[in-house]
Protein backbone atom coordinates (compact mmCIF):
# COMPACT_ATOMS: atom_id res chain seq x y z
CA MET A 1 46.73 62.56 49.61
CA PHE A 2 43.46 61.89 51.40
CA GLY A 3 42.03 65.00 49.79
CA ILE A 4 42.38 63.53 46.30
CA PHE A 5 40.65 60.28 47.21
CA GLY A 6 37.93 62.18 49.01
CA SER A 7 37.36 64.33 45.94
CA ILE A 8 37.23 61.27 43.68
CA LYS A 9 34.72 59.59 45.99
CA THR A 10 32.63 62.75 46.07
CA VAL A 11 32.64 63.00 42.27
CA LEU A 12 31.75 59.31 41.91
CA MET A 13 28.88 59.68 44.38
CA ALA A 14 27.60 62.72 42.51
CA VAL A 15 27.75 60.91 39.16
CA LEU A 16 26.00 57.84 40.53
CA SER A 17 23.34 59.88 42.28
CA ALA A 18 22.71 61.79 39.03
CA ALA A 19 22.54 58.53 37.05
CA LEU A 20 20.20 56.78 39.48
CA PRO A 21 16.94 58.50 38.36
CA VAL A 22 17.86 57.87 34.72
CA LEU A 23 18.41 54.17 35.42
CA TYR A 24 15.13 54.07 37.31
CA LEU A 25 13.24 55.57 34.35
CA PHE A 26 14.85 53.14 31.90
CA GLY A 27 13.90 50.25 34.19
CA ARG A 28 10.29 51.40 34.42
CA LYS A 29 10.09 51.80 30.65
CA ALA A 30 11.49 48.31 30.05
CA GLY A 31 9.15 46.85 32.68
CA ALA A 32 6.13 48.52 31.09
CA GLN A 33 7.09 47.14 27.70
CA LYS A 34 7.42 43.62 29.11
CA GLU A 35 4.04 43.89 30.83
CA GLN A 36 2.43 45.15 27.63
CA GLN A 37 3.98 42.23 25.72
CA LYS A 38 2.58 39.76 28.26
CA THR A 39 -0.86 41.33 27.96
CA LEU A 40 -0.76 41.08 24.18
CA GLU A 41 0.30 37.44 24.40
CA ARG A 42 -2.62 36.69 26.74
CA ILE A 43 -5.05 38.38 24.37
CA ALA A 44 -3.64 36.44 21.41
CA GLU A 45 -3.99 33.15 23.33
CA LYS A 46 -7.61 33.92 24.18
CA GLU A 47 -8.32 34.72 20.55
CA LYS A 48 -6.79 31.39 19.51
CA GLN A 49 -8.95 29.56 22.04
CA ARG A 50 -12.05 31.39 20.83
CA ALA A 51 -11.24 30.57 17.19
CA GLU A 52 -10.68 26.90 18.07
CA PHE A 53 -14.01 26.82 19.91
CA TYR A 54 -15.88 28.20 16.92
CA LYS A 55 -14.10 25.80 14.55
CA THR A 56 -15.14 22.87 16.73
CA LEU A 57 -18.68 24.20 16.94
CA GLU A 58 -18.84 24.59 13.17
CA ARG A 59 -17.58 21.02 12.64
CA LYS A 60 -20.18 19.70 15.07
CA ASN A 61 -22.96 21.64 13.35
CA ALA A 62 -21.79 20.43 9.94
CA GLU A 63 -21.87 16.81 11.13
CA GLU A 64 -25.38 17.22 12.53
CA LYS A 65 -26.58 18.91 9.37
CA ALA A 66 -25.13 16.10 7.24
CA ASN A 67 -27.23 13.56 9.15
CA THR A 68 -30.52 15.42 8.86
CA PRO A 69 -32.91 14.55 6.07
CA ASN A 70 -33.16 17.15 3.31
CA THR A 71 -36.32 16.12 1.53
CA ARG A 72 -39.71 14.85 2.51
CA ASP A 73 -38.96 11.38 1.16
CA GLU A 74 -35.76 11.10 3.18
CA LEU A 75 -37.64 12.13 6.30
CA THR A 76 -40.38 9.52 5.77
CA ASP A 77 -37.82 6.81 5.01
CA ARG A 78 -35.89 7.67 8.14
CA LEU A 79 -39.02 7.63 10.29
CA ARG A 80 -40.08 4.27 8.84
CA GLU A 81 -36.68 2.74 9.53
CA HIS A 82 -35.95 4.19 12.96
CA GLY A 83 -39.26 5.45 14.22
CA LEU A 84 -39.56 8.48 16.42
């Protein structure tokens, strides 16, 4: 009777010990995929921040350009009104 349980335990240990490296490899693969996904998300966030920075910079430059005089007459009028 103890021989049957001992054999079953031995078989279960063998199956689990054979499955352990496979589970380890699946875990490493899943972990690598998660890390790659996090890296891609960080890169995407940096790209969004960079795009927002350039949009803000473009708006600021557009506002400054709108206020600058375009012709010689506008420049002289502005200087007469506001001075240097």
